[in-house]
Amino acid sequence: MVGQGVLRESLLAPDVEQVLVVTRKLTGVRHPKLHEVEPTDFADLAPIRDQLADGYDAVFYCLGVSSVGMDEAGYTRVSYDYPMAAARTFAEINPETCFIYVSGAGTGAQSRQMWARVKARTEREVIGLLPHGYAVRPAMIQPTHGVRSKTRLYNAIYTTINPLMPVLERTFPKYVTTTDRLGRAMLQVARVGFPRHILENVDLR
């Protein structure tokens, strides 16, 4: 969902000249700014290195997976190995690239939740590797403008609670955002940075 949101906002932004989507499945979006590539292995981006080296100023790393039903090894491959392969590639191509890793609220190295510990490790290493490395931690995200999750369970949950979202946002504004608001926030971090390298949901709002 975050990837769809930031893609939409990037294509709408007049100061974004070109967007390259590195994806597991083509988006189906058609736009003169948009180019897409499907790597065979997200842990090895060497085959598409030349395309990544084409002067990109920012990376929005939105690839993720639900931890439900996954063991730690499988989850670590997607949520640590893949983003670190991208971060290391850009550290070599252009270490000044702004690299924004999409983490999640509740991430923490001491957490009892496996996913939170894995993401905390990724956050720490991305920020340590790249001077303009950031981690964003959205909490409850309301999909907007036709955005849908690829996880059936999440879609069912969002469909159920969507009528309550205005009430939840008024009651718990620190914990609610939308896909379009999150996309614009990530673009703004790429433009001007942020005083801290980890942004919680309230910072993103």
C-alpha atoms as a PDB file:
ATOM      1  CA  MET A   1       0.000   0.000   0.000  1.00  0.00           C
ATOM      2  CA  VAL A   2       2.799   2.413   0.868  1.00  0.00           C
ATOM      3  CA  GLY A   3       4.461   1.779  -2.472  1.00  0.00           C
ATOM      4  CA  GLN A   4       1.254   2.551  -4.335  1.00  0.00           C
ATOM      5  CA  GLY A   5       0.803   5.742  -2.314  1.00  0.00           C
ATOM      6  CA  VAL A   6       4.320   7.068  -2.804  1.00  0.00           C
ATOM      7  CA  LEU A   7       4.234   6.163  -6.503  1.00  0.00           C
ATOM      8  CA  ARG A   8       1.050   8.170  -6.999  1.00  0.00           C
ATOM      9  CA  GLU A   9       2.431  11.201  -5.174  1.00  0.00           C
ATOM     10  CA  SER A  10       5.764  10.993  -7.017  1.00  0.00           C
ATOM     11  CA  LEU A  11       4.060  10.978 -10.390  1.00  0.00           C
ATOM     12  CA  LEU A  12       1.938  13.971  -9.348  1.00  0.00           C
ATOM     13  CA  ALA A  13       4.883  15.980  -7.972  1.00  0.00           C
ATOM     14  CA  PRO A  14       6.101  18.558 -10.525  1.00  0.00           C
ATOM     15  CA  ASP A  15       9.687  18.434  -9.220  1.00  0.00           C
ATOM     16  CA  VAL A  16       9.991  14.667  -9.760  1.00  0.00           C
ATOM     17  CA  GLU A  17      11.435  14.134 -13.218  1.00  0.00           C
ATOM     18  CA  GLN A  18      11.620  10.341 -13.411  1.00  0.00           C
ATOM     19  CA  VAL A  19      10.467   7.340 -11.383  1.00  0.00           C
ATOM     20  CA  LEU A  20      11.894   3.834 -11.581  1.00  0.00           C
ATOM     21  CA  VAL A  21       9.813   1.139  -9.910  1.00  0.00           C
ATOM     22  CA  VAL A  22      11.777  -1.974  -8.977  1.00  0.00           C
ATOM     23  CA  THR A  23       8.976  -4.439  -8.509  1.00  0.00           C
ATOM     24  CA  ARG A  24       7.917  -8.026  -8.049  1.00  0.00           C
ATOM     25  CA  LYS A  25       4.989  -7.431 -10.406  1.00  0.00           C
ATOM     26  CA  LEU A  26       4.388  -4.670 -12.944  1.00  0.00           C
ATOM     27  CA  THR A  27       2.115  -1.966 -11.564  1.00  0.00           C
ATOM     28  CA  GLY A  28      -0.106  -1.530 -14.598  1.00  0.00           C
ATOM     29  CA  VAL A  29       0.336   2.259 -14.258  1.00  0.00           C
ATOM     30  CA  ARG A  30       1.083   4.198 -17.449  1.00  0.00           C
ATOM     31  CA  HIS A  31       2.861   7.548 -17.153  1.00  0.00           C
ATOM     32  CA  PRO A  32       5.593   9.301 -19.156  1.00  0.00           C
ATOM     33  CA  LYS A  33       7.779   9.657 -16.030  1.00  0.00           C
ATOM     34  CA  LEU A  34       7.470   5.981 -15.082  1.00  0.00           C
ATOM     35  CA  HIS A  35       9.840   3.132 -15.858  1.00  0.00           C
ATOM     36  CA  GLU A  36       9.634  -0.345 -14.332  1.00  0.00           C
ATOM     37  CA  VAL A  37      12.010  -3.247 -13.897  1.00  0.00           C
ATOM     38  CA  GLU A  38      11.482  -6.730 -12.438  1.00  0.00           C
ATOM     39  CA  PRO A  39      14.676  -8.141 -10.904  1.00  0.00           C
ATOM     40  CA  THR A  40      15.028 -11.889 -10.654  1.00  0.00           C
ATOM     41  CA  ASP A  41      16.447 -11.677  -7.119  1.00  0.00           C
ATOM     42  CA  PHE A  42      15.967  -8.756  -4.747  1.00  0.00           C
ATOM     43  CA  ALA A  43      18.992  -9.921  -2.782  1.00  0.00           C
ATOM     44  CA  ASP A  44      21.224  -9.401  -5.835  1.00  0.00           C
ATOM     45  CA  LEU A  45      20.635  -6.174  -7.757  1.00  0.00           C
ATOM     46  CA  ALA A  46      23.841  -6.399  -9.816  1.00  0.00           C
ATOM     47  CA  PRO A  47      21.944  -7.248 -13.047  1.00  0.00           C
ATOM     48  CA  ILE A  48      20.016  -3.931 -12.855  1.00  0.00           C
ATOM     49  CA  ARG A  49      22.835  -1.847 -11.397  1.00  0.00           C
ATOM     50  CA  ASP A  50      23.183   0.297 -14.539  1.00  0.00           C
ATOM     51  CA  GLN A  51      19.514   1.271 -14.378  1.00  0.00           C
ATOM     52  CA  LEU A  52      19.792   2.151 -10.686  1.00  0.00           C
ATOM     53  CA  ALA A  53      22.832   4.306 -11.418  1.00  0.00           C
ATOM     54  CA  ASP A  54      20.848   6.614 -13.690  1.00  0.00           C
ATOM     55  CA  GLY A  55      21.016   9.667 -11.426  1.00  0.00           C
ATOM     56  CA  TYR A  56      18.247   8.939  -8.925  1.00  0.00           C
ATOM     57  CA  ASP A  57      18.157  11.281  -5.919  1.00  0.00           C
ATOM     58  CA  ALA A  58      15.995   9.179  -3.615  1.00  0.00           C
ATOM     59  CA  VAL A  59      14.983   5.609  -2.895  1.00  0.00           C
ATOM     60  CA  PHE A  60      11.643   4.826  -1.265  1.00  0.00           C
ATOM     61  CA  TYR A  61      12.055   1.256  -0.084  1.00  0.00           C
ATOM     62  CA  CYS A  62       8.486   0.005   0.286  1.00  0.00           C
ATOM     63  CA  LEU A  63       8.809  -3.711  -0.405  1.00  0.00           C
ATOM     64  CA  GLY A  64       7.465  -5.661   2.545  1.00  0.00           C
ATOM     65  CA  VAL A  65       5.497  -8.674   3.660  1.00  0.00           C
ATOM     66  CA  SER A  66       3.229  -9.609   6.535  1.00  0.00           C
ATOM     67  CA  SER A  67       4.978 -11.689   9.199  1.00  0.00           C
ATOM     68  CA  VAL A  68       1.839 -13.788   9.741  1.00  0.00           C
ATOM     69  CA  GLY A  69       2.714 -17.434   9.169  1.00  0.00           C
ATOM     70  CA  MET A  70       6.386 -16.731   8.420  1.00  0.00           C
ATOM     71  CA  ASP A  71       9.384 -18.011  10.326  1.00  0.00           C
ATOM     72  CA  GLU A  72      12.211 -15.663  11.255  1.00  0.00           C
ATOM     73  CA  ALA A  73      14.522 -16.818   8.457  1.00  0.00           C
ATOM     74  CA  GLY A  74      11.942 -16.176   5.746  1.00  0.00           C
ATOM     75  CA  TYR A  75      10.893 -12.857   7.196  1.00  0.00           C
ATOM     76  CA  THR A  76      14.521 -11.772   7.586  1.00  0.00           C
ATOM     77  CA  ARG A  77      15.210 -12.480   3.927  1.00  0.00           C
ATOM     78  CA  VAL A  78      12.452 -10.118   2.785  1.00  0.00           C
ATOM     79  CA  SER A  79      12.709  -7.485   5.522  1.00  0.00           C
ATOM     80  CA  TYR A  80      16.488  -7.390   6.052  1.00  0.00           C
ATOM     81  CA  ASP A  81      18.390  -9.087   3.211  1.00  0.00           C
ATOM     82  CA  TYR A  82      16.432  -7.406   0.414  1.00  0.00           C
ATOM     83  CA  PRO A  83      16.502  -3.815   1.713  1.00  0.00           C
ATOM     84  CA  MET A  84      20.145  -4.116   2.735  1.00  0.00           C
ATOM     85  CA  ALA A  85      21.043  -5.316  -0.773  1.00  0.00           C
ATOM     86  CA  ALA A  86      19.447  -2.129  -2.108  1.00  0.00           C
ATOM     87  CA  ALA A  87      21.084   0.090   0.531  1.00  0.00           C
ATOM     88  CA  ARG A  88      24.536  -1.382  -0.145  1.00  0.00           C
ATOM     89  CA  THR A  89      24.063  -0.950  -3.894  1.00  0.00           C
ATOM     90  CA  PHE A  90      23.230   2.741  -3.493  1.00  0.00           C
ATOM     91  CA  ALA A  91      26.050   3.208  -0.986  1.00  0.00           C
ATOM     92  CA  GLU A  92      28.366   2.213  -3.840  1.00  0.00           C
ATOM     93  CA  ILE A  93      26.537   3.959  -6.705  1.00  0.00           C
ATOM     94  CA  ASN A  94      25.788   7.227  -4.913  1.00  0.00           C
ATOM     95  CA  PRO A  95      26.239   7.400  -1.133  1.00  0.00           C
ATOM     96  CA  GLU A  96      24.483  10.796  -1.080  1.00  0.00           C
ATOM     97  CA  THR A  97      21.196   9.211  -2.199  1.00  0.00           C
ATOM     98  CA  CYS A  98      18.325   9.729   0.238  1.00  0.00           C
ATOM     99  CA  PHE A  99      17.248   6.194   1.193  1.00  0.00           C
ATOM    100  CA  ILE A 100      13.929   5.911   3.034  1.00  0.00           C
ATOM    101  CA  TYR A 101      13.137   2.484   4.454  1.00  0.00           C
ATOM    102  CA  VAL A 102       9.497   1.818   5.323  1.00  0.00           C
ATOM    103  CA  SER A 103       9.459   0.206   8.748  1.00  0.00           C
ATOM    104  CA  GLY A 104       6.485   0.263  11.113  1.00  0.00           C
ATOM    105  CA  ALA A 105       5.170   1.561  14.407  1.00  0.00           C
ATOM    106  CA  GLY A 106       6.301  -0.618  17.282  1.00  0.00           C
ATOM    107  CA  THR A 107       9.661  -1.510  15.761  1.00  0.00           C
ATOM    108  CA  GLY A 108      12.312  -2.095  18.418  1.00  0.00           C
ATOM    109  CA  ALA A 109      15.413  -4.196  19.001  1.00  0.00           C
ATOM    110  CA  GLN A 110      14.139  -5.396  22.409  1.00  0.00           C
ATOM    111  CA  SER A 111      10.627  -6.203  21.240  1.00  0.00           C
ATOM    112  CA  ARG A 112       9.073  -9.605  21.889  1.00  0.00           C
ATOM    113  CA  GLN A 113       7.770  -9.508  18.316  1.00  0.00           C
ATOM    114  CA  MET A 114      10.079 -11.112  15.767  1.00  0.00           C
ATOM    115  CA  TRP A 115       9.113  -8.694  12.984  1.00  0.00           C
ATOM    116  CA  ALA A 116       9.896  -5.675  15.172  1.00  0.00           C
ATOM    117  CA  ARG A 117      13.403  -6.939  15.959  1.00  0.00           C
ATOM    118  CA  VAL A 118      14.158  -7.705  12.303  1.00  0.00           C
ATOM    119  CA  LYS A 119      12.989  -4.275  11.161  1.00  0.00           C
ATOM    120  CA  ALA A 120      14.956  -2.587  13.957  1.00  0.00           C
ATOM    121  CA  ARG A 121      18.134  -4.240  12.687  1.00  0.00           C
ATOM    122  CA  THR A 122      17.388  -3.063   9.150  1.00  0.00           C
ATOM    123  CA  GLU A 123      16.689   0.475  10.340  1.00  0.00           C
ATOM    124  CA  ARG A 124      19.943   0.614  12.280  1.00  0.00           C
ATOM    125  CA  GLU A 125      22.076  -0.656   9.417  1.00  0.00           C
ATOM    126  CA  VAL A 126      20.455   1.502   6.719  1.00  0.00           C
ATOM    127  CA  ILE A 127      20.959   4.610   8.847  1.00  0.00           C
ATOM    128  CA  GLY A 128      24.512   3.567   9.693  1.00  0.00           C
ATOM    129  CA  LEU A 129      25.400   2.891   6.069  1.00  0.00           C
ATOM    130  CA  LEU A 130      23.974   5.988   4.361  1.00  0.00           C
ATOM    131  CA  PRO A 131      24.320   9.573   5.605  1.00  0.00           C
ATOM    132  CA  HIS A 132      20.841  10.306   4.248  1.00  0.00           C
ATOM    133  CA  GLY A 133      19.310   7.039   5.395  1.00  0.00           C
ATOM    134  CA  TYR A 134      15.928   7.228   7.130  1.00  0.00           C
ATOM    135  CA  ALA A 135      13.352   4.848   8.554  1.00  0.00           C
ATOM    136  CA  VAL A 136       9.681   5.768   8.594  1.00  0.00           C
ATOM    137  CA  ARG A 137       7.312   4.092  11.051  1.00  0.00           C
ATOM    138  CA  PRO A 138       3.702   4.550   9.967  1.00  0.00           C
ATOM    139  CA  ALA A 139       1.028   3.184  12.262  1.00  0.00           C
ATOM    140  CA  MET A 140      -2.558   2.797  11.020  1.00  0.00           C
ATOM    141  CA  ILE A 141      -2.672   3.659   7.322  1.00  0.00           C
ATOM    142  CA  GLN A 142      -5.933   4.445   5.570  1.00  0.00           C
ATOM    143  CA  PRO A 143      -5.755   3.513   1.877  1.00  0.00           C
ATOM    144  CA  THR A 144      -6.891   6.345  -0.399  1.00  0.00           C
ATOM    145  CA  HIS A 145      -7.334   6.940  -4.138  1.00  0.00           C
ATOM    146  CA  GLY A 146      -7.989   3.280  -4.924  1.00  0.00           C
ATOM    147  CA  VAL A 147      -4.913   1.908  -3.132  1.00  0.00           C
ATOM    148  CA  ARG A 148      -5.348  -1.692  -1.951  1.00  0.00           C
ATOM    149  CA  SER A 149      -3.224  -4.011   0.122  1.00  0.00           C
ATOM    150  CA  LYS A 150      -1.937  -7.189  -1.511  1.00  0.00           C
ATOM    151  CA  THR A 151      -2.716  -9.025   1.755  1.00  0.00           C
ATOM    152  CA  ARG A 152      -6.309 -10.315   1.835  1.00  0.00           C
ATOM    153  CA  LEU A 153      -6.532 -10.088   5.616  1.00  0.00           C
ATOM    154  CA  TYR A 154      -5.496  -6.424   5.567  1.00  0.00           C
ATOM    155  CA  ASN A 155      -8.065  -5.636   2.877  1.00  0.00           C
ATOM    156  CA  ALA A 156     -10.789  -7.267   4.963  1.00  0.00           C
ATOM    157  CA  ILE A 157      -9.723  -5.271   8.020  1.00  0.00           C
ATOM    158  CA  TYR A 158      -9.592  -1.980   6.109  1.00  0.00           C
ATOM    159  CA  THR A 159     -13.001  -2.618   4.561  1.00  0.00           C
ATOM    160  CA  THR A 160     -14.449  -3.243   8.012  1.00  0.00           C
ATOM    161  CA  ILE A 161     -12.930  -0.238   9.781  1.00  0.00           C
ATOM    162  CA  ASN A 162     -13.011   2.263   6.913  1.00  0.00           C
ATOM    163  CA  PRO A 163     -16.303   3.856   8.066  1.00  0.00           C
ATOM    164  CA  LEU A 164     -14.672   4.430  11.478  1.00  0.00           C
ATOM    165  CA  MET A 165     -11.492   6.048  10.151  1.00  0.00           C
ATOM    166  CA  PRO A 166     -12.682   9.681  10.527  1.00  0.00           C
ATOM    167  CA  VAL A 167     -13.545   8.985  14.169  1.00  0.00           C
ATOM    168  CA  LEU A 168     -10.256   7.182  14.791  1.00  0.00           C
ATOM    169  CA  GLU A 169      -8.311  10.054  13.217  1.00  0.00           C
ATOM    170  CA  ARG A 170     -10.051  12.613  15.408  1.00  0.00           C
ATOM    171  CA  THR A 171      -9.624  10.486  18.530  1.00  0.00           C
ATOM    172  CA  PHE A 172      -6.093   9.177  17.920  1.00  0.00           C
ATOM    173  CA  PRO A 173      -4.518  11.586  15.418  1.00  0.00           C
ATOM    174  CA  LYS A 174      -0.959  10.552  16.349  1.00  0.00           C
ATOM    175  CA  TYR A 175      -1.595   7.003  15.141  1.00  0.00           C
ATOM    176  CA  VAL A 176      -3.482   7.447  11.869  1.00  0.00           C
ATOM    177  CA  THR A 177      -2.304   8.520   8.420  1.00  0.00           C
ATOM    178  CA  THR A 178      -3.283   7.920   4.789  1.00  0.00           C
ATOM    179  CA  THR A 179      -1.386   6.514   1.829  1.00  0.00           C
ATOM    180  CA  ASP A 180      -1.354   9.881   0.041  1.00  0.00           C
ATOM    181  CA  ARG A 181      -0.264  11.813   3.145  1.00  0.00           C
ATOM    182  CA  LEU A 182       2.487   9.276   3.784  1.00  0.00           C
ATOM    183  CA  GLY A 183       3.677   9.502   0.174  1.00  0.00           C
ATOM    184  CA  ARG A 184       3.905  13.291   0.385  1.00  0.00           C
ATOM    185  CA  ALA A 185       5.754  13.089   3.702  1.00  0.00           C
ATOM    186  CA  MET A 186       8.349  10.732   2.240  1.00  0.00           C
ATOM    187  CA  LEU A 187       8.848  13.043  -0.734  1.00  0.00           C
ATOM    188  CA  GLN A 188       9.360  15.968   1.616  1.00  0.00           C
ATOM    189  CA  VAL A 189      12.015  14.056   3.584  1.00  0.00           C
ATOM    190  CA  ALA A 190      13.788  13.349   0.292  1.00  0.00           C
ATOM    191  CA  ARG A 191      13.701  17.052  -0.565  1.00  0.00           C
ATOM    192  CA  VAL A 192      14.805  18.650   2.706  1.00  0.00           C
ATOM    193  CA  GLY A 193      15.703  15.874   5.168  1.00  0.00           C
ATOM    194  CA  PHE A 194      14.549  15.642   8.777  1.00  0.00           C
ATOM    195  CA  PRO A 195      16.258  16.358  12.117  1.00  0.00           C
ATOM    196  CA  ARG A 196      16.010  12.678  13.112  1.00  0.00           C
ATOM    197  CA  HIS A 197      16.674   9.573  11.048  1.00  0.00           C
ATOM    198  CA  ILE A 198      13.694   7.666  12.447  1.00  0.00           C
ATOM    199  CA  LEU A 199      10.275   9.215  11.841  1.00  0.00           C
ATOM    200  CA  GLU A 200       7.319   8.038  13.874  1.00  0.00           C
ATOM    201  CA  ASN A 201       3.752   8.381  12.628  1.00  0.00           C
ATOM    202  CA  VAL A 202       3.315  11.761  14.348  1.00  0.00           C
ATOM    203  CA  ASP A 203       6.400  13.073  12.499  1.00  0.00           C
ATOM    204  CA  LEU A 204       5.007  11.809   9.205  1.00  0.00           C
ATOM    205  CA  ARG A 205       1.741  13.667   9.823  1.00  0.00           C
END
